[in-house]
PDB file of N, CA and C in Angstrom:
ATOM      1  N   UNK A   1      -1.765   9.142   6.478  1.00  0.00           N
ATOM      2  CA  UNK A   1      -2.570   8.647   5.181  1.00  0.00           C
ATOM      3  C   UNK A   1      -1.691   7.108   5.385  1.00  0.00           C
ATOM      4  N   UNK A   2      -2.042   6.282   4.804  1.00  0.00           N
ATOM      5  CA  UNK A   2      -1.768   4.691   4.567  1.00  0.00           C
ATOM      6  C   UNK A   2      -1.298   4.254   3.612  1.00  0.00           C
ATOM      7  N   UNK A   3      -0.277   3.070   2.992  1.00  0.00           N
ATOM      8  CA  UNK A   3      -0.053   2.628   2.203  1.00  0.00           C
ATOM      9  C   UNK A   3       0.018   1.137   2.494  1.00  0.00           C
ATOM     10  N   UNK A   4      -0.833  -0.027   1.720  1.00  0.00           N
ATOM     11  CA  UNK A   4      -0.843  -0.961   1.655  1.00  0.00           C
ATOM     12  C   UNK A   4      -0.196  -1.709   0.661  1.00  0.00           C
ATOM     13  N   UNK A   5       1.074  -2.449   0.744  1.00  0.00           N
ATOM     14  CA  UNK A   5       1.548  -2.653  -0.168  1.00  0.00           C
ATOM     15  C   UNK A   5       1.855  -4.508  -0.553  1.00  0.00           C
ATOM     16  N   UNK A   6       1.899  -5.307  -1.517  1.00  0.00           N
ATOM     17  CA  UNK A   6       1.581  -6.535  -1.431  1.00  0.00           C
ATOM     18  C   UNK A   6       2.315  -7.120  -2.907  1.00  0.00           C
ATOM     19  N   UNK A   7       2.887  -8.037  -3.072  1.00  0.00           N
ATOM     20  CA  UNK A   7       3.630  -8.485  -4.163  1.00  0.00           C
ATOM     21  C   UNK A   7       2.625  -9.610  -4.725  1.00  0.00           C
ATOM     22  N   UNK A   8       2.264  -9.453  -6.003  1.00  0.00           N
ATOM     23  CA  UNK A   8       1.334 -10.219  -6.934  1.00  0.00           C
ATOM     24  C   UNK A   8       1.789 -11.238  -7.770  1.00  0.00           C
ATOM     25  N   UNK A   9       3.227 -10.965  -7.961  1.00  0.00           N
ATOM     26  CA  UNK A   9       3.674 -11.657  -9.208  1.00  0.00           C
ATOM     27  C   UNK A   9       5.099 -11.935  -8.711  1.00  0.00           C
ATOM     28  N   UNK A  10       6.136 -13.246  -8.718  1.00  0.00           N
ATOM     29  CA  UNK A  10       6.927 -13.479  -8.407  1.00  0.00           C
ATOM     30  C   UNK A  10       7.838 -14.669  -9.247  1.00  0.00           C
ATOM     31  N   UNK A  11       8.253 -14.350 -10.462  1.00  0.00           N
ATOM     32  CA  UNK A  11       9.133 -15.057 -11.333  1.00  0.00           C
ATOM     33  C   UNK A  11       9.972 -15.815 -10.745  1.00  0.00           C
ATOM     34  N   UNK A  12      10.176 -16.848 -11.323  1.00  0.00           N
ATOM     35  CA  UNK A  12      11.138 -18.009 -10.732  1.00  0.00           C
ATOM     36  C   UNK A  12      12.401 -17.895 -11.824  1.00  0.00           C
ATOM     37  N   UNK A  13      13.916 -18.350 -11.310  1.00  0.00           N
ATOM     38  CA  UNK A  13      14.832 -18.533 -12.724  1.00  0.00           C
ATOM     39  C   UNK A  13      14.788 -19.752 -12.924  1.00  0.00           C
ATOM     40  N   UNK A  14      15.538 -19.999 -13.678  1.00  0.00           N
ATOM     41  CA  UNK A  14      15.555 -21.566 -14.500  1.00  0.00           C
ATOM     42  C   UNK A  14      15.782 -22.390 -13.172  1.00  0.00           C
ATOM     43  N   UNK A  15      16.623 -22.034 -12.447  1.00  0.00           N
ATOM     44  CA  UNK A  15      16.953 -22.713 -10.749  1.00  0.00           C
ATOM     45  C   UNK A  15      15.757 -23.168 -10.209  1.00  0.00           C
ATOM     46  N   UNK A  16      14.714 -22.320 -10.353  1.00  0.00           N
ATOM     47  CA  UNK A  16      13.447 -22.337  -9.708  1.00  0.00           C
ATOM     48  C   UNK A  16      13.381 -21.737  -8.398  1.00  0.00           C
ATOM     49  N   UNK A  17      14.254 -20.960  -8.099  1.00  0.00           N
ATOM     50  CA  UNK A  17      14.560 -19.468  -7.348  1.00  0.00           C
ATOM     51  C   UNK A  17      13.700 -18.765  -7.555  1.00  0.00           C
ATOM     52  N   UNK A  18      13.645 -17.855  -7.087  1.00  0.00           N
ATOM     53  CA  UNK A  18      12.516 -16.813  -7.019  1.00  0.00           C
ATOM     54  C   UNK A  18      13.321 -15.649  -7.671  1.00  0.00           C
ATOM     55  N   UNK A  19      12.636 -15.146  -8.859  1.00  0.00           N
ATOM     56  CA  UNK A  19      13.523 -14.024  -9.291  1.00  0.00           C
ATOM     57  C   UNK A  19      12.753 -12.583  -8.398  1.00  0.00           C
ATOM     58  N   UNK A  20      13.701 -12.318  -7.525  1.00  0.00           N
ATOM     59  CA  UNK A  20      13.120 -11.102  -6.479  1.00  0.00           C
ATOM     60  C   UNK A  20      13.154  -9.841  -7.345  1.00  0.00           C
ATOM     61  N   UNK A  21      14.270  -9.369  -8.307  1.00  0.00           N
ATOM     62  CA  UNK A  21      14.168  -7.827  -9.329  1.00  0.00           C
ATOM     63  C   UNK A  21      13.112  -8.022  -9.930  1.00  0.00           C
ATOM     64  N   UNK A  22      12.573  -8.928 -10.742  1.00  0.00           N
ATOM     65  CA  UNK A  22      11.506  -8.959 -11.614  1.00  0.00           C
ATOM     66  C   UNK A  22       9.965  -8.821 -10.883  1.00  0.00           C
ATOM     67  N   UNK A  23      10.214  -9.128  -9.110  1.00  0.00           N
ATOM     68  CA  UNK A  23       8.959  -9.222  -8.811  1.00  0.00           C
ATOM     69  C   UNK A  23       7.590  -7.828  -8.954  1.00  0.00           C
ATOM     70  N   UNK A  24       6.238  -8.298  -8.573  1.00  0.00           N
ATOM     71  CA  UNK A  24       5.770  -7.311  -9.443  1.00  0.00           C
ATOM     72  C   UNK A  24       4.962  -6.726  -7.697  1.00  0.00           C
ATOM     73  N   UNK A  25       4.683  -5.922  -7.996  1.00  0.00           N
ATOM     74  CA  UNK A  25       3.895  -4.857  -6.530  1.00  0.00           C
ATOM     75  C   UNK A  25       3.005  -4.113  -6.764  1.00  0.00           C
ATOM     76  N   UNK A  26       2.066  -3.820  -6.044  1.00  0.00           N
ATOM     77  CA  UNK A  26       0.700  -3.382  -6.317  1.00  0.00           C
ATOM     78  C   UNK A  26       0.715  -2.709  -4.910  1.00  0.00           C
ATOM     79  N   UNK A  27      -0.085  -1.394  -4.579  1.00  0.00           N
ATOM     80  CA  UNK A  27      -0.329  -0.695  -3.253  1.00  0.00           C
ATOM     81  C   UNK A  27      -2.008   0.002  -3.444  1.00  0.00           C
ATOM     82  N   UNK A  28      -2.485   0.123  -2.390  1.00  0.00           N
ATOM     83  CA  UNK A  28      -3.314   1.104  -2.779  1.00  0.00           C
ATOM     84  C   UNK A  28      -3.162   2.208  -1.011  1.00  0.00           C
ATOM     85  N   UNK A  29      -4.122   3.440  -1.317  1.00  0.00           N
ATOM     86  CA  UNK A  29      -3.808   4.387  -0.145  1.00  0.00           C
ATOM     87  C   UNK A  29      -4.859   4.310   0.349  1.00  0.00           C
ATOM     88  N   UNK A  30      -4.947   4.532   2.157  1.00  0.00           N
ATOM     89  CA  UNK A  30      -6.570   4.368   2.868  1.00  0.00           C
ATOM     90  C   UNK A  30      -6.079   5.445   4.197  1.00  0.00           C
ATOM     91  N   UNK A  31      -7.351   5.765   4.477  1.00  0.00           N
ATOM     92  CA  UNK A  31      -7.376   7.514   5.468  1.00  0.00           C
ATOM     93  C   UNK A  31      -6.770   6.892   6.622  1.00  0.00           C
ATOM     94  N   UNK A  32      -7.338   6.009   6.760  1.00  0.00           N
ATOM     95  CA  UNK A  32      -7.158   5.381   8.225  1.00  0.00           C
ATOM     96  C   UNK A  32      -6.170   4.535   8.385  1.00  0.00           C
ATOM     97  N   UNK A  33      -5.870   4.322   9.521  1.00  0.00           N
ATOM     98  CA  UNK A  33      -4.618   2.501  10.190  1.00  0.00           C
ATOM     99  C   UNK A  33      -5.740   1.569   9.809  1.00  0.00           C
ATOM    100  N   UNK A  34      -6.888   1.839  10.280  1.00  0.00           N
ATOM    101  CA  UNK A  34      -8.067   0.696  10.406  1.00  0.00           C
ATOM    102  C   UNK A  34      -8.580   0.019   8.915  1.00  0.00           C
ATOM    103  N   UNK A  35      -8.586   1.138   8.078  1.00  0.00           N
ATOM    104  CA  UNK A  35      -8.914   0.576   7.057  1.00  0.00           C
ATOM    105  C   UNK A  35      -7.967   0.159   6.225  1.00  0.00           C
ATOM    106  N   UNK A  36      -7.151   0.211   6.262  1.00  0.00           N
ATOM    107  CA  UNK A  36      -5.402  -0.087   5.645  1.00  0.00           C
ATOM    108  C   UNK A  36      -5.223  -1.523   6.063  1.00  0.00           C
ATOM    109  N   UNK A  37      -5.411  -1.819   7.883  1.00  0.00           N
ATOM    110  CA  UNK A  37      -5.351  -2.788   8.318  1.00  0.00           C
ATOM    111  C   UNK A  37      -5.895  -4.527   7.792  1.00  0.00           C
ATOM    112  N   UNK A  38      -7.313  -3.407   7.735  1.00  0.00           N
ATOM    113  CA  UNK A  38      -8.591  -4.841   7.102  1.00  0.00           C
ATOM    114  C   UNK A  38      -7.700  -4.833   5.577  1.00  0.00           C
ATOM    115  N   UNK A  39      -8.060  -3.640   4.853  1.00  0.00           N
ATOM    116  CA  UNK A  39      -7.295  -4.477   3.215  1.00  0.00           C
ATOM    117  C   UNK A  39      -6.018  -5.457   3.259  1.00  0.00           C
ATOM    118  N   UNK A  40      -5.221  -4.996   4.421  1.00  0.00           N
ATOM    119  CA  UNK A  40      -3.839  -5.852   4.449  1.00  0.00           C
ATOM    120  C   UNK A  40      -4.271  -7.333   4.621  1.00  0.00           C
ATOM    121  N   UNK A  41      -5.226  -7.880   5.593  1.00  0.00           N
ATOM    122  CA  UNK A  41      -5.579  -8.604   5.581  1.00  0.00           C
ATOM    123  C   UNK A  41      -6.116  -9.271   4.470  1.00  0.00           C
ATOM    124  N   UNK A  42      -7.192  -8.618   4.090  1.00  0.00           N
ATOM    125  CA  UNK A  42      -7.656  -8.960   2.755  1.00  0.00           C
ATOM    126  C   UNK A  42      -6.921  -9.987   1.523  1.00  0.00           C
ATOM    127  N   UNK A  43      -5.530  -8.780   1.372  1.00  0.00           N
ATOM    128  CA  UNK A  43      -4.920  -9.453   0.221  1.00  0.00           C
ATOM    129  C   UNK A  43      -3.854 -10.095   0.596  1.00  0.00           C
ATOM    130  N   UNK A  44      -3.719 -10.555   2.089  1.00  0.00           N
ATOM    131  CA  UNK A  44      -2.848 -11.455   2.813  1.00  0.00           C
ATOM    132  C   UNK A  44      -2.604 -12.994   1.588  1.00  0.00           C
ATOM    133  N   UNK A  45      -4.048 -13.159   1.465  1.00  0.00           N
ATOM    134  CA  UNK A  45      -3.430 -14.827   0.624  1.00  0.00           C
ATOM    135  C   UNK A  45      -3.535 -14.479  -0.840  1.00  0.00           C
ATOM    136  N   UNK A  46      -3.274 -13.259  -1.151  1.00  0.00           N
ATOM    137  CA  UNK A  46      -2.872 -13.004  -2.583  1.00  0.00           C
ATOM    138  C   UNK A  46      -1.513 -12.048  -2.726  1.00  0.00           C
ATOM    139  N   UNK A  47      -0.633 -12.331  -1.207  1.00  0.00           N
ATOM    140  CA  UNK A  47       0.836 -11.348  -1.828  1.00  0.00           C
ATOM    141  C   UNK A  47       1.815 -12.970  -1.637  1.00  0.00           C
ATOM    142  N   UNK A  48       2.444 -13.013  -2.645  1.00  0.00           N
ATOM    143  CA  UNK A  48       3.349 -14.262  -2.789  1.00  0.00           C
ATOM    144  C   UNK A  48       4.442 -14.264  -1.840  1.00  0.00           C
ATOM    145  N   UNK A  49       4.913 -13.511  -1.129  1.00  0.00           N
ATOM    146  CA  UNK A  49       5.908 -13.713   0.509  1.00  0.00           C
ATOM    147  C   UNK A  49       4.933 -14.085   1.567  1.00  0.00           C
ATOM    148  N   UNK A  50       3.684 -13.955   1.216  1.00  0.00           N
ATOM    149  CA  UNK A  50       3.009 -14.069   2.424  1.00  0.00           C
ATOM    150  C   UNK A  50       2.817 -13.096   3.501  1.00  0.00           C
ATOM    151  N   UNK A  51       3.210 -12.172   3.355  1.00  0.00           N
ATOM    152  CA  UNK A  51       3.342 -10.595   4.671  1.00  0.00           C
ATOM    153  C   UNK A  51       2.985  -9.728   3.297  1.00  0.00           C
ATOM    154  N   UNK A  52       1.812  -8.909   3.954  1.00  0.00           N
ATOM    155  CA  UNK A  52       1.647  -7.649   3.600  1.00  0.00           C
ATOM    156  C   UNK A  52       2.258  -6.558   4.112  1.00  0.00           C
ATOM    157  N   UNK A  53       3.136  -5.370   3.561  1.00  0.00           N
ATOM    158  CA  UNK A  53       3.352  -4.109   4.370  1.00  0.00           C
ATOM    159  C   UNK A  53       1.949  -2.964   4.396  1.00  0.00           C
ATOM    160  N   UNK A  54       1.894  -2.193   5.587  1.00  0.00           N
ATOM    161  CA  UNK A  54       1.617  -1.261   5.909  1.00  0.00           C
ATOM    162  C   UNK A  54       2.539  -0.373   6.416  1.00  0.00           C
ATOM    163  N   UNK A  55       2.114   1.062   5.784  1.00  0.00           N
ATOM    164  CA  UNK A  55       3.418   2.030   5.912  1.00  0.00           C
ATOM    165  C   UNK A  55       2.783   3.386   5.935  1.00  0.00           C
ATOM    166  N   UNK A  56       2.515   4.342   6.852  1.00  0.00           N
ATOM    167  CA  UNK A  56       2.279   5.360   6.986  1.00  0.00           C
ATOM    168  C   UNK A  56       2.881   6.358   6.458  1.00  0.00           C
ATOM    169  N   UNK A  57       2.055   7.188   5.296  1.00  0.00           N
ATOM    170  CA  UNK A  57       3.199   8.437   4.967  1.00  0.00           C
ATOM    171  C   UNK A  57       2.566  10.136   4.849  1.00  0.00           C
ATOM    172  N   UNK A  58       3.115  11.000   4.237  1.00  0.00           N
ATOM    173  CA  UNK A  58       2.276  12.041   4.015  1.00  0.00           C
ATOM    174  C   UNK A  58       2.749  12.871   2.768  1.00  0.00           C
ATOM    175  N   UNK A  59       2.243  13.502   2.492  1.00  0.00           N
ATOM    176  CA  UNK A  59       2.471  14.337   1.312  1.00  0.00           C
ATOM    177  C   UNK A  59       3.288  15.761   1.234  1.00  0.00           C
ATOM    178  N   UNK A  60       4.501  15.390   0.948  1.00  0.00           N
ATOM    179  CA  UNK A  60       5.189  16.979   1.313  1.00  0.00           C
ATOM    180  C   UNK A  60       5.398  17.314  -0.031  1.00  0.00           C
ATOM    181  N   UNK A  61       5.522  18.683  -0.128  1.00  0.00           N
ATOM    182  CA  UNK A  61       5.918  19.334  -1.438  1.00  0.00           C
ATOM    183  C   UNK A  61       6.728  19.555  -1.609  1.00  0.00           C
ATOM    184  N   UNK A  62       7.366  19.596  -2.646  1.00  0.00           N
ATOM    185  CA  UNK A  62       8.450  20.048  -3.383  1.00  0.00           C
ATOM    186  C   UNK A  62       9.420  20.966  -2.793  1.00  0.00           C
ATOM    187  N   UNK A  63      10.691  21.357  -3.461  1.00  0.00           N
ATOM    188  CA  UNK A  63      11.402  22.166  -2.615  1.00  0.00           C
ATOM    189  C   UNK A  63      10.739  23.718  -3.477  1.00  0.00           C
ATOM    190  N   UNK A  64      10.441  24.608  -2.831  1.00  0.00           N
ATOM    191  CA  UNK A  64       9.951  25.879  -3.534  1.00  0.00           C
ATOM    192  C   UNK A  64      10.684  26.136  -4.938  1.00  0.00           C
ATOM    193  N   UNK A  65       9.354  26.153  -6.109  1.00  0.00           N
ATOM    194  CA  UNK A  65       9.972  26.484  -7.086  1.00  0.00           C
ATOM    195  C   UNK A  65       9.655  24.940  -8.203  1.00  0.00           C
ATOM    196  N   UNK A  66       9.111  24.227  -7.139  1.00  0.00           N
ATOM    197  CA  UNK A  66       9.167  22.850  -8.095  1.00  0.00           C
ATOM    198  C   UNK A  66       7.381  22.371  -7.890  1.00  0.00           C
ATOM    199  N   UNK A  67       6.956  22.371  -8.749  1.00  0.00           N
ATOM    200  CA  UNK A  67       5.668  21.963  -8.334  1.00  0.00           C
ATOM    201  C   UNK A  67       5.256  20.495  -7.794  1.00  0.00           C
ATOM    202  N   UNK A  68       3.747  20.300  -7.342  1.00  0.00           N
ATOM    203  CA  UNK A  68       3.809  18.964  -7.019  1.00  0.00           C
ATOM    204  C   UNK A  68       4.009  18.703  -5.268  1.00  0.00           C
ATOM    205  N   UNK A  69       3.636  17.427  -5.049  1.00  0.00           N
ATOM    206  CA  UNK A  69       4.501  16.555  -3.288  1.00  0.00           C
ATOM    207  C   UNK A  69       4.968  15.490  -4.091  1.00  0.00           C
ATOM    208  N   UNK A  70       5.557  14.789  -3.230  1.00  0.00           N
ATOM    209  CA  UNK A  70       6.079  13.568  -3.045  1.00  0.00           C
ATOM    210  C   UNK A  70       5.875  12.873  -1.764  1.00  0.00           C
ATOM    211  N   UNK A  71       5.990  11.443  -1.482  1.00  0.00           N
ATOM    212  CA  UNK A  71       5.498  10.929  -0.358  1.00  0.00           C
ATOM    213  C   UNK A  71       6.447  10.360   0.401  1.00  0.00           C
ATOM    214  N   UNK A  72       6.510  11.180   1.459  1.00  0.00           N
ATOM    215  CA  UNK A  72       7.289  10.717   2.095  1.00  0.00           C
ATOM    216  C   UNK A  72       6.938   9.761   3.852  1.00  0.00           C
ATOM    217  N   UNK A  73       7.535   8.881   3.785  1.00  0.00           N
ATOM    218  CA  UNK A  73       7.341   7.791   4.687  1.00  0.00           C
ATOM    219  C   UNK A  73       7.432   7.904   6.450  1.00  0.00           C
ATOM    220  N   UNK A  74       6.823   7.806   7.279  1.00  0.00           N
ATOM    221  CA  UNK A  74       7.043   8.035   8.520  1.00  0.00           C
ATOM    222  C   UNK A  74       6.839   6.584   9.407  1.00  0.00           C
ATOM    223  N   UNK A  75       7.421   6.785  10.138  1.00  0.00           N
ATOM    224  CA  UNK A  75       7.203   5.628  11.255  1.00  0.00           C
ATOM    225  C   UNK A  75       8.333   4.180  10.718  1.00  0.00           C
ATOM    226  N   UNK A  76       7.528   2.860  11.586  1.00  0.00           N
ATOM    227  CA  UNK A  76       8.349   2.186  10.989  1.00  0.00           C
ATOM    228  C   UNK A  76       7.090   1.393   9.969  1.00  0.00           C
ATOM    229  N   UNK A  77       7.437   0.619   9.300  1.00  0.00           N
ATOM    230  CA  UNK A  77       6.780  -0.486   8.613  1.00  0.00           C
ATOM    231  C   UNK A  77       5.920  -1.553   9.225  1.00  0.00           C
ATOM    232  N   UNK A  78       4.837  -1.391   9.102  1.00  0.00           N
ATOM    233  CA  UNK A  78       4.237  -2.785  10.065  1.00  0.00           C
ATOM    234  C   UNK A  78       3.912  -3.925   8.754  1.00  0.00           C
ATOM    235  N   UNK A  79       4.086  -4.974   9.726  1.00  0.00           N
ATOM    236  CA  UNK A  79       4.003  -6.586   8.413  1.00  0.00           C
ATOM    237  C   UNK A  79       3.022  -6.899   9.383  1.00  0.00           C
ATOM    238  N   UNK A  80       1.720  -7.509   8.319  1.00  0.00           N
ATOM    239  CA  UNK A  80       0.708  -8.236   8.185  1.00  0.00           C
ATOM    240  C   UNK A  80       1.045  -9.671   7.776  1.00  0.00           C
ATOM    241  N   UNK A  81       0.908 -10.835   8.944  1.00  0.00           N
ATOM    242  CA  UNK A  81       1.350 -11.606   8.375  1.00  0.00           C
ATOM    243  C   UNK A  81      -0.014 -12.996   8.549  1.00  0.00           C
TER     244      UNK A  81
END
């Protein structure tokens, strides 16, 4: 699976610089790399940084005795600019 992540809000500090700690991000998951790239290009104009990230991931079970799964990122982050 692939995650597409973008920054949709980047508040400014009093001096006009970006308040990176207060940035807000959104993400959406896709089954295919092609669909993820298509969506990343669509979201690019809405991203505050001018670059959308596409990252492959796998859902991995927690340790035995713990229910559920967690997202494990694999490979490199791909940046769409």
